Amino acid sequence: MSILSIRLTNRLNESLNEEARLSRQPKSLIARIALEHFLANRQRERFLAQMTRAAKAIDPDHAVQLAEEALPLDNESMALTKSRTPISA
């Protein structure tokens, strides 16, 4: 594993210390998880922006056709997601 040194504001440091105390987890673990979430979110945002640009570039009639073709799969995915039992943390 690599080591990264960062500077934290006093407020962020206090929040991190408090979370570490409450969760009884090392600050490095909490920071690593937060960074993983942040980077995954940024990657998702970039992907969605790319998809939006691609959607705007295609013919509107073709876009409607693609959406209609994808709708049954979207509905099936939603049904599967709703039927899953949530995992307790």
PDB file of N, CA and C in Angstrom:
ATOM      1  N   MET A   1       0.833  -1.170   0.000  1.00  0.00           N
ATOM      2  CA  MET A   1       0.000   0.000   0.000  1.00  0.00           C
ATOM      3  C   MET A   1       0.882   1.240   0.000  1.00  0.00           C
ATOM      4  N   SER A   2       0.430   2.267  -0.679  1.00  0.00           N
ATOM      5  CA  SER A   2       1.157   3.535  -0.716  1.00  0.00           C
ATOM      6  C   SER A   2       0.768   4.405   0.467  1.00  0.00           C
ATOM      7  N   ILE A   3       1.617   5.360   0.746  1.00  0.00           N
ATOM      8  CA  ILE A   3       1.356   6.314   1.816  1.00  0.00           C
ATOM      9  C   ILE A   3       1.147   7.677   1.183  1.00  0.00           C
ATOM     10  N   LEU A   4       0.135   8.417   1.681  1.00  0.00           N
ATOM     11  CA  LEU A   4      -0.189   9.751   1.194  1.00  0.00           C
ATOM     12  C   LEU A   4      -0.291  10.674   2.391  1.00  0.00           C
ATOM     13  N   SER A   5       0.381  11.794   2.317  1.00  0.00           N
ATOM     14  CA  SER A   5       0.267  12.794   3.374  1.00  0.00           C
ATOM     15  C   SER A   5      -0.611  13.921   2.859  1.00  0.00           C
ATOM     16  N   ILE A   6      -1.575  14.331   3.664  1.00  0.00           N
ATOM     17  CA  ILE A   6      -2.450  15.439   3.267  1.00  0.00           C
ATOM     18  C   ILE A   6      -2.593  16.412   4.435  1.00  0.00           C
ATOM     19  N   ARG A   7      -2.912  17.633   4.097  1.00  0.00           N
ATOM     20  CA  ARG A   7      -3.167  18.648   5.121  1.00  0.00           C
ATOM     21  C   ARG A   7      -4.669  18.795   5.277  1.00  0.00           C
ATOM     22  N   LEU A   8      -5.137  18.774   6.507  1.00  0.00           N
ATOM     23  CA  LEU A   8      -6.556  18.893   6.801  1.00  0.00           C
ATOM     24  C   LEU A   8      -6.828  20.197   7.526  1.00  0.00           C
ATOM     25  N   THR A   9      -7.985  20.773   7.247  1.00  0.00           N
ATOM     26  CA  THR A   9      -8.394  21.925   8.044  1.00  0.00           C
ATOM     27  C   THR A   9      -8.665  21.433   9.462  1.00  0.00           C
ATOM     28  N   ASN A  10      -8.664  22.337  10.399  1.00  0.00           N
ATOM     29  CA  ASN A  10      -8.945  21.949  11.790  1.00  0.00           C
ATOM     30  C   ASN A  10     -10.321  21.293  11.891  1.00  0.00           C
ATOM     31  N   ARG A  11     -11.289  21.868  11.196  1.00  0.00           N
ATOM     32  CA  ARG A  11     -12.656  21.334  11.246  1.00  0.00           C
ATOM     33  C   ARG A  11     -12.713  19.907  10.689  1.00  0.00           C
ATOM     34  N   LEU A  12     -12.069  19.677   9.548  1.00  0.00           N
ATOM     35  CA  LEU A  12     -12.069  18.346   8.958  1.00  0.00           C
ATOM     36  C   LEU A  12     -11.325  17.351   9.846  1.00  0.00           C
ATOM     37  N   ASN A  13     -10.232  17.786  10.432  1.00  0.00           N
ATOM     38  CA  ASN A  13      -9.479  16.914  11.334  1.00  0.00           C
ATOM     39  C   ASN A  13     -10.309  16.527  12.554  1.00  0.00           C
ATOM     40  N   GLU A  14     -11.041  17.497  13.101  1.00  0.00           N
ATOM     41  CA  GLU A  14     -11.901  17.208  14.256  1.00  0.00           C
ATOM     42  C   GLU A  14     -13.003  16.228  13.872  1.00  0.00           C
ATOM     43  N   SER A  15     -13.590  16.421  12.690  1.00  0.00           N
ATOM     44  CA  SER A  15     -14.637  15.504  12.229  1.00  0.00           C
ATOM     45  C   SER A  15     -14.091  14.094  12.028  1.00  0.00           C
ATOM     46  N   LEU A  16     -12.913  14.009  11.451  1.00  0.00           N
ATOM     47  CA  LEU A  16     -12.288  12.706  11.229  1.00  0.00           C
ATOM     48  C   LEU A  16     -11.965  12.031  12.561  1.00  0.00           C
ATOM     49  N   ASN A  17     -11.419  12.784  13.492  1.00  0.00           N
ATOM     50  CA  ASN A  17     -11.127  12.231  14.826  1.00  0.00           C
ATOM     51  C   ASN A  17     -12.394  11.732  15.506  1.00  0.00           C
ATOM     52  N   GLU A  18     -13.468  12.500  15.398  1.00  0.00           N
ATOM     53  CA  GLU A  18     -14.736  12.115  16.022  1.00  0.00           C
ATOM     54  C   GLU A  18     -15.292  10.839  15.390  1.00  0.00           C
ATOM     55  N   GLU A  19     -15.237  10.752  14.066  1.00  0.00           N
ATOM     56  CA  GLU A  19     -15.727   9.548  13.381  1.00  0.00           C
ATOM     57  C   GLU A  19     -14.879   8.333  13.757  1.00  0.00           C
ATOM     58  N   ALA A  20     -13.579   8.525  13.832  1.00  0.00           N
ATOM     59  CA  ALA A  20     -12.700   7.422  14.221  1.00  0.00           C
ATOM     60  C   ALA A  20     -13.023   6.946  15.637  1.00  0.00           C
ATOM     61  N   ARG A  21     -13.283   7.883  16.509  1.00  0.00           N
ATOM     62  CA  ARG A  21     -13.615   7.532  17.893  1.00  0.00           C
ATOM     63  C   ARG A  21     -14.946   6.783  17.947  1.00  0.00           C
ATOM     64  N   LEU A  22     -15.963   7.315  17.267  1.00  0.00           N
ATOM     65  CA  LEU A  22     -17.295   6.711  17.318  1.00  0.00           C
ATOM     66  C   LEU A  22     -17.349   5.345  16.633  1.00  0.00           C
ATOM     67  N   SER A  23     -16.654   5.228  15.517  1.00  0.00           N
ATOM     68  CA  SER A  23     -16.702   3.963  14.764  1.00  0.00           C
ATOM     69  C   SER A  23     -15.645   2.969  15.215  1.00  0.00           C
ATOM     70  N   ARG A  24     -14.724   3.453  16.041  1.00  0.00           N
ATOM     71  CA  ARG A  24     -13.605   2.620  16.509  1.00  0.00           C
ATOM     72  C   ARG A  24     -12.821   2.039  15.334  1.00  0.00           C
ATOM     73  N   GLN A  25     -12.604   2.904  14.347  1.00  0.00           N
ATOM     74  CA  GLN A  25     -11.817   2.536  13.174  1.00  0.00           C
ATOM     75  C   GLN A  25     -10.674   3.529  13.022  1.00  0.00           C
ATOM     76  N   PRO A  26      -9.588   3.093  12.417  1.00  0.00           N
ATOM     77  CA  PRO A  26      -8.462   4.005  12.211  1.00  0.00           C
ATOM     78  C   PRO A  26      -8.844   5.136  11.253  1.00  0.00           C
ATOM     79  N   LYS A  27      -8.274   6.297  11.504  1.00  0.00           N
ATOM     80  CA  LYS A  27      -8.528   7.442  10.633  1.00  0.00           C
ATOM     81  C   LYS A  27      -8.127   7.140   9.199  1.00  0.00           C
ATOM     82  N   SER A  28      -7.062   6.395   9.004  1.00  0.00           N
ATOM     83  CA  SER A  28      -6.612   6.082   7.651  1.00  0.00           C
ATOM     84  C   SER A  28      -7.652   5.251   6.898  1.00  0.00           C
ATOM     85  N   LEU A  29      -8.328   4.343   7.598  1.00  0.00           N
ATOM     86  CA  LEU A  29      -9.371   3.537   6.963  1.00  0.00           C
ATOM     87  C   LEU A  29     -10.551   4.410   6.548  1.00  0.00           C
ATOM     88  N   ILE A  30     -10.958   5.290   7.437  1.00  0.00           N
ATOM     89  CA  ILE A  30     -12.074   6.191   7.142  1.00  0.00           C
ATOM     90  C   ILE A  30     -11.732   7.089   5.957  1.00  0.00           C
ATOM     91  N   ALA A  31     -10.522   7.638   5.951  1.00  0.00           N
ATOM     92  CA  ALA A  31     -10.097   8.499   4.847  1.00  0.00           C
ATOM     93  C   ALA A  31     -10.026   7.714   3.534  1.00  0.00           C
ATOM     94  N   ARG A  32      -9.539   6.487   3.587  1.00  0.00           N
ATOM     95  CA  ARG A  32      -9.437   5.650   2.386  1.00  0.00           C
ATOM     96  C   ARG A  32     -10.826   5.354   1.817  1.00  0.00           C
ATOM     97  N   ILE A  33     -11.771   5.024   2.688  1.00  0.00           N
ATOM     98  CA  ILE A  33     -13.138   4.749   2.249  1.00  0.00           C
ATOM     99  C   ILE A  33     -13.761   6.005   1.641  1.00  0.00           C
ATOM    100  N   ALA A  34     -13.558   7.132   2.298  1.00  0.00           N
ATOM    101  CA  ALA A  34     -14.109   8.396   1.784  1.00  0.00           C
ATOM    102  C   ALA A  34     -13.515   8.729   0.417  1.00  0.00           C
ATOM    103  N   LEU A  35     -12.233   8.514   0.255  1.00  0.00           N
ATOM    104  CA  LEU A  35     -11.579   8.790  -1.015  1.00  0.00           C
ATOM    105  C   LEU A  35     -12.076   7.843  -2.099  1.00  0.00           C
ATOM    106  N   GLU A  36     -12.273   6.574  -1.758  1.00  0.00           N
ATOM    107  CA  GLU A  36     -12.814   5.612  -2.725  1.00  0.00           C
ATOM    108  C   GLU A  36     -14.206   6.045  -3.193  1.00  0.00           C
ATOM    109  N   HIS A  37     -15.040   6.469  -2.252  1.00  0.00           N
ATOM    110  CA  HIS A  37     -16.387   6.924  -2.601  1.00  0.00           C
ATOM    111  C   HIS A  37     -16.322   8.167  -3.482  1.00  0.00           C
ATOM    112  N   PHE A  38     -15.474   9.102  -3.111  1.00  0.00           N
ATOM    113  CA  PHE A  38     -15.327  10.339  -3.881  1.00  0.00           C
ATOM    114  C   PHE A  38     -14.896  10.042  -5.312  1.00  0.00           C
ATOM    115  N   LEU A  39     -13.879   9.205  -5.466  1.00  0.00           N
ATOM    116  CA  LEU A  39     -13.364   8.901  -6.805  1.00  0.00           C
ATOM    117  C   LEU A  39     -14.377   8.111  -7.633  1.00  0.00           C
ATOM    118  N   ALA A  40     -15.095   7.202  -7.013  1.00  0.00           N
ATOM    119  CA  ALA A  40     -16.132   6.446  -7.731  1.00  0.00           C
ATOM    120  C   ALA A  40     -17.237   7.389  -8.194  1.00  0.00           C
ATOM    121  N   ASN A  41     -17.595   8.342  -7.348  1.00  0.00           N
ATOM    122  CA  ASN A  41     -18.625   9.311  -7.697  1.00  0.00           C
ATOM    123  C   ASN A  41     -18.161  10.196  -8.862  1.00  0.00           C
ATOM    124  N   ARG A  42     -16.912  10.637  -8.822  1.00  0.00           N
ATOM    125  CA  ARG A  42     -16.378  11.455  -9.914  1.00  0.00           C
ATOM    126  C   ARG A  42     -16.366  10.666 -11.218  1.00  0.00           C
ATOM    127  N   GLN A  43     -15.981   9.396 -11.154  1.00  0.00           N
ATOM    128  CA  GLN A  43     -15.960   8.550 -12.349  1.00  0.00           C
ATOM    129  C   GLN A  43     -17.378   8.405 -12.902  1.00  0.00           C
ATOM    130  N   ARG A  44     -18.338   8.210 -12.019  1.00  0.00           N
ATOM    131  CA  ARG A  44     -19.739   8.086 -12.439  1.00  0.00           C
ATOM    132  C   ARG A  44     -20.215   9.386 -13.084  1.00  0.00           C
ATOM    133  N   GLU A  45     -19.882  10.528 -12.491  1.00  0.00           N
ATOM    134  CA  GLU A  45     -20.279  11.825 -13.048  1.00  0.00           C
ATOM    135  C   GLU A  45     -19.701  12.025 -14.446  1.00  0.00           C
ATOM    136  N   ARG A  46     -18.439  11.649 -14.629  1.00  0.00           N
ATOM    137  CA  ARG A  46     -17.819  11.779 -15.951  1.00  0.00           C
ATOM    138  C   ARG A  46     -18.504  10.867 -16.968  1.00  0.00           C
ATOM    139  N   PHE A  47     -18.823   9.634 -16.545  1.00  0.00           N
ATOM    140  CA  PHE A  47     -19.511   8.703 -17.429  1.00  0.00           C
ATOM    141  C   PHE A  47     -20.872   9.256 -17.834  1.00  0.00           C
ATOM    142  N   LEU A  48     -21.624   9.778 -16.870  1.00  0.00           N
ATOM    143  CA  LEU A  48     -22.940  10.326 -17.179  1.00  0.00           C
ATOM    144  C   LEU A  48     -22.831  11.543 -18.095  1.00  0.00           C
ATOM    145  N   ALA A  49     -21.825  12.370 -17.888  1.00  0.00           N
ATOM    146  CA  ALA A  49     -21.621  13.521 -18.767  1.00  0.00           C
ATOM    147  C   ALA A  49     -21.301  13.061 -20.185  1.00  0.00           C
ATOM    148  N   GLN A  50     -20.489  12.027 -20.296  1.00  0.00           N
ATOM    149  CA  GLN A  50     -20.150  11.474 -21.608  1.00  0.00           C
ATOM    150  C   GLN A  50     -21.402  10.902 -22.273  1.00  0.00           C
ATOM    151  N   MET A  51     -22.221  10.202 -21.520  1.00  0.00           N
ATOM    152  CA  MET A  51     -23.454   9.645 -22.064  1.00  0.00           C
ATOM    153  C   MET A  51     -24.407  10.761 -22.493  1.00  0.00           C
ATOM    154  N   THR A  52     -24.462  11.837 -21.718  1.00  0.00           N
ATOM    155  CA  THR A  52     -25.318  12.972 -22.067  1.00  0.00           C
ATOM    156  C   THR A  52     -24.864  13.610 -23.366  1.00  0.00           C
ATOM    157  N   ARG A  53     -23.540  13.799 -23.505  1.00  0.00           N
ATOM    158  CA  ARG A  53     -23.010  14.376 -24.756  1.00  0.00           C
ATOM    159  C   ARG A  53     -23.327  13.469 -25.937  1.00  0.00           C
ATOM    160  N   ALA A  54     -23.180  12.166 -25.745  1.00  0.00           N
ATOM    161  CA  ALA A  54     -23.463  11.217 -26.824  1.00  0.00           C
ATOM    162  C   ALA A  54     -24.951  11.237 -27.183  1.00  0.00           C
ATOM    163  N   ALA A  55     -25.800  11.321 -26.166  1.00  0.00           N
ATOM    164  CA  ALA A  55     -27.241  11.340 -26.421  1.00  0.00           C
ATOM    165  C   ALA A  55     -27.654  12.601 -27.174  1.00  0.00           C
ATOM    166  N   LYS A  56     -27.030  13.723 -26.841  1.00  0.00           N
ATOM    167  CA  LYS A  56     -27.347  14.978 -27.526  1.00  0.00           C
ATOM    168  C   LYS A  56     -26.869  14.972 -28.974  1.00  0.00           C
ATOM    169  N   ALA A  57     -25.875  14.143 -29.263  1.00  0.00           N
ATOM    170  CA  ALA A  57     -25.294  14.112 -30.602  1.00  0.00           C
ATOM    171  C   ALA A  57     -26.099  13.251 -31.575  1.00  0.00           C
ATOM    172  N   ILE A  58     -26.984  12.400 -31.065  1.00  0.00           N
ATOM    173  CA  ILE A  58     -27.724  11.523 -31.976  1.00  0.00           C
ATOM    174  C   ILE A  58     -29.048  12.168 -32.381  1.00  0.00           C
ATOM    175  N   ASP A  59     -29.609  11.646 -33.421  1.00  0.00           N
ATOM    176  CA  ASP A  59     -30.894  12.100 -33.940  1.00  0.00           C
ATOM    177  C   ASP A  59     -31.983  11.891 -32.885  1.00  0.00           C
ATOM    178  N   PRO A  60     -32.818  12.907 -32.616  1.00  0.00           N
ATOM    179  CA  PRO A  60     -33.852  12.770 -31.582  1.00  0.00           C
ATOM    180  C   PRO A  60     -34.799  11.594 -31.817  1.00  0.00           C
ATOM    181  N   ASP A  61     -35.151  11.316 -33.062  1.00  0.00           N
ATOM    182  CA  ASP A  61     -36.046  10.190 -33.334  1.00  0.00           C
ATOM    183  C   ASP A  61     -35.365   8.862 -32.993  1.00  0.00           C
ATOM    184  N   HIS A  62     -34.091   8.773 -33.309  1.00  0.00           N
ATOM    185  CA  HIS A  62     -33.340   7.564 -32.987  1.00  0.00           C
ATOM    186  C   HIS A  62     -33.195   7.418 -31.472  1.00  0.00           C
ATOM    187  N   ALA A  63     -33.041   8.546 -30.780  1.00  0.00           N
ATOM    188  CA  ALA A  63     -32.922   8.510 -29.325  1.00  0.00           C
ATOM    189  C   ALA A  63     -34.193   7.954 -28.694  1.00  0.00           C
ATOM    190  N   VAL A  64     -35.346   8.358 -29.190  1.00  0.00           N
ATOM    191  CA  VAL A  64     -36.617   7.846 -28.670  1.00  0.00           C
ATOM    192  C   VAL A  64     -36.714   6.349 -28.923  1.00  0.00           C
ATOM    193  N   GLN A  65     -36.315   5.912 -30.105  1.00  0.00           N
ATOM    194  CA  GLN A  65     -36.344   4.488 -30.440  1.00  0.00           C
ATOM    195  C   GLN A  65     -35.447   3.694 -29.488  1.00  0.00           C
ATOM    196  N   LEU A  66     -34.240   4.200 -29.230  1.00  0.00           N
ATOM    197  CA  LEU A  66     -33.324   3.516 -28.306  1.00  0.00           C
ATOM    198  C   LEU A  66     -33.906   3.446 -26.897  1.00  0.00           C
ATOM    199  N   ALA A  67     -34.526   4.530 -26.462  1.00  0.00           N
ATOM    200  CA  ALA A  67     -35.118   4.564 -25.123  1.00  0.00           C
ATOM    201  C   ALA A  67     -36.252   3.553 -25.010  1.00  0.00           C
ATOM    202  N   GLU A  68     -37.074   3.475 -26.056  1.00  0.00           N
ATOM    203  CA  GLU A  68     -38.176   2.518 -26.041  1.00  0.00           C
ATOM    204  C   GLU A  68     -37.663   1.079 -26.015  1.00  0.00           C
ATOM    205  N   GLU A  69     -36.566   0.823 -26.719  1.00  0.00           N
ATOM    206  CA  GLU A  69     -35.987  -0.524 -26.718  1.00  0.00           C
ATOM    207  C   GLU A  69     -35.383  -0.864 -25.365  1.00  0.00           C
ATOM    208  N   ALA A  70     -34.850   0.124 -24.683  1.00  0.00           N
ATOM    209  CA  ALA A  70     -34.183  -0.115 -23.395  1.00  0.00           C
ATOM    210  C   ALA A  70     -35.165  -0.189 -22.231  1.00  0.00           C
ATOM    211  N   LEU A  71     -36.351   0.353 -22.408  1.00  0.00           N
ATOM    212  CA  LEU A  71     -37.317   0.423 -21.307  1.00  0.00           C
ATOM    213  C   LEU A  71     -37.614  -0.930 -20.656  1.00  0.00           C
ATOM    214  N   PRO A  72     -37.868  -1.998 -21.418  1.00  0.00           N
ATOM    215  CA  PRO A  72     -38.127  -3.293 -20.747  1.00  0.00           C
ATOM    216  C   PRO A  72     -36.955  -3.756 -19.881  1.00  0.00           C
ATOM    217  N   LEU A  73     -35.735  -3.531 -20.344  1.00  0.00           N
ATOM    218  CA  LEU A  73     -34.567  -3.921 -19.546  1.00  0.00           C
ATOM    219  C   LEU A  73     -34.444  -3.069 -18.295  1.00  0.00           C
ATOM    220  N   ASP A  74     -34.722  -1.761 -18.432  1.00  0.00           N
ATOM    221  CA  ASP A  74     -34.693  -0.879 -17.271  1.00  0.00           C
ATOM    222  C   ASP A  74     -35.718  -1.321 -16.239  1.00  0.00           C
ATOM    223  N   ASN A  75     -36.921  -1.650 -16.720  1.00  0.00           N
ATOM    224  CA  ASN A  75     -37.974  -2.095 -15.808  1.00  0.00           C
ATOM    225  C   ASN A  75     -37.590  -3.394 -15.113  1.00  0.00           C
ATOM    226  N   GLU A  76     -36.984  -4.304 -15.853  1.00  0.00           N
ATOM    227  CA  GLU A  76     -36.552  -5.568 -15.266  1.00  0.00           C
ATOM    228  C   GLU A  76     -35.475  -5.335 -14.213  1.00  0.00           C
ATOM    229  N   SER A  77     -34.541  -4.446 -14.500  1.00  0.00           N
ATOM    230  CA  SER A  77     -33.487  -4.121 -13.535  1.00  0.00           C
ATOM    231  C   SER A  77     -34.062  -3.518 -12.269  1.00  0.00           C
ATOM    232  N   MET A  78     -35.025  -2.625 -12.436  1.00  0.00           N
ATOM    233  CA  MET A  78     -35.664  -2.000 -11.273  1.00  0.00           C
ATOM    234  C   MET A  78     -36.386  -3.048 -10.432  1.00  0.00           C
ATOM    235  N   ALA A  79     -37.088  -3.968 -11.086  1.00  0.00           N
ATOM    236  CA  ALA A  79     -37.819  -5.012 -10.361  1.00  0.00           C
ATOM    237  C   ALA A  79     -36.855  -5.899  -9.586  1.00  0.00           C
ATOM    238  N   LEU A  80     -35.724  -6.240 -10.203  1.00  0.00           N
ATOM    239  CA  LEU A  80     -34.734  -7.076  -9.519  1.00  0.00           C
ATOM    240  C   LEU A  80     -34.140  -6.348  -8.325  1.00  0.00           C
ATOM    241  N   THR A  81     -33.864  -5.071  -8.493  1.00  0.00           N
ATOM    242  CA  THR A  81     -33.280  -4.275  -7.412  1.00  0.00           C
ATOM    243  C   THR A  81     -34.242  -4.162  -6.244  1.00  0.00           C
ATOM    244  N   LYS A  82     -35.497  -3.918  -6.535  1.00  0.00           N
ATOM    245  CA  LYS A  82     -36.488  -3.762  -5.465  1.00  0.00           C
ATOM    246  C   LYS A  82     -36.737  -5.065  -4.715  1.00  0.00           C
ATOM    247  N   SER A  83     -36.554  -6.207  -5.386  1.00  0.00           N
ATOM    248  CA  SER A  83     -36.829  -7.485  -4.746  1.00  0.00           C
ATOM    249  C   SER A  83     -35.674  -7.984  -3.887  1.00  0.00           C
ATOM    250  N   ARG A  84     -34.503  -7.354  -4.003  1.00  0.00           N
ATOM    251  CA  ARG A  84     -33.350  -7.796  -3.214  1.00  0.00           C
ATOM    252  C   ARG A  84     -33.524  -7.400  -1.764  1.00  0.00           C
ATOM    253  N   THR A  85     -33.061  -8.258  -0.882  1.00  0.00           N
ATOM    254  CA  THR A  85     -33.081  -7.972   0.540  1.00  0.00           C
ATOM    255  C   THR A  85     -31.892  -7.082   0.871  1.00  0.00           C
ATOM    256  N   PRO A  86     -32.136  -5.918   1.511  1.00  0.00           N
ATOM    257  CA  PRO A  86     -31.020  -5.031   1.844  1.00  0.00           C
ATOM    258  C   PRO A  86     -30.020  -5.713   2.793  1.00  0.00           C
ATOM    259  N   ILE A  87     -28.771  -5.388   2.619  1.00  0.00           N
ATOM    260  CA  ILE A  87     -27.715  -5.910   3.483  1.00  0.00           C
ATOM    261  C   ILE A  87     -27.581  -4.996   4.678  1.00  0.00           C
ATOM    262  N   SER A  88     -27.680  -5.533   5.864  1.00  0.00           N
ATOM    263  CA  SER A  88     -27.546  -4.721   7.073  1.00  0.00           C
ATOM    264  C   SER A  88     -26.083  -4.431   7.330  1.00  0.00           C
ATOM    265  N   ALA A  89     -25.828  -3.197   7.727  1.00  0.00           N
ATOM    266  CA  ALA A  89     -24.446  -2.796   8.018  1.00  0.00           C
ATOM    267  C   ALA A  89     -24.117  -3.077   9.456  1.00  0.00           C
TER     268      ALA A  89
END
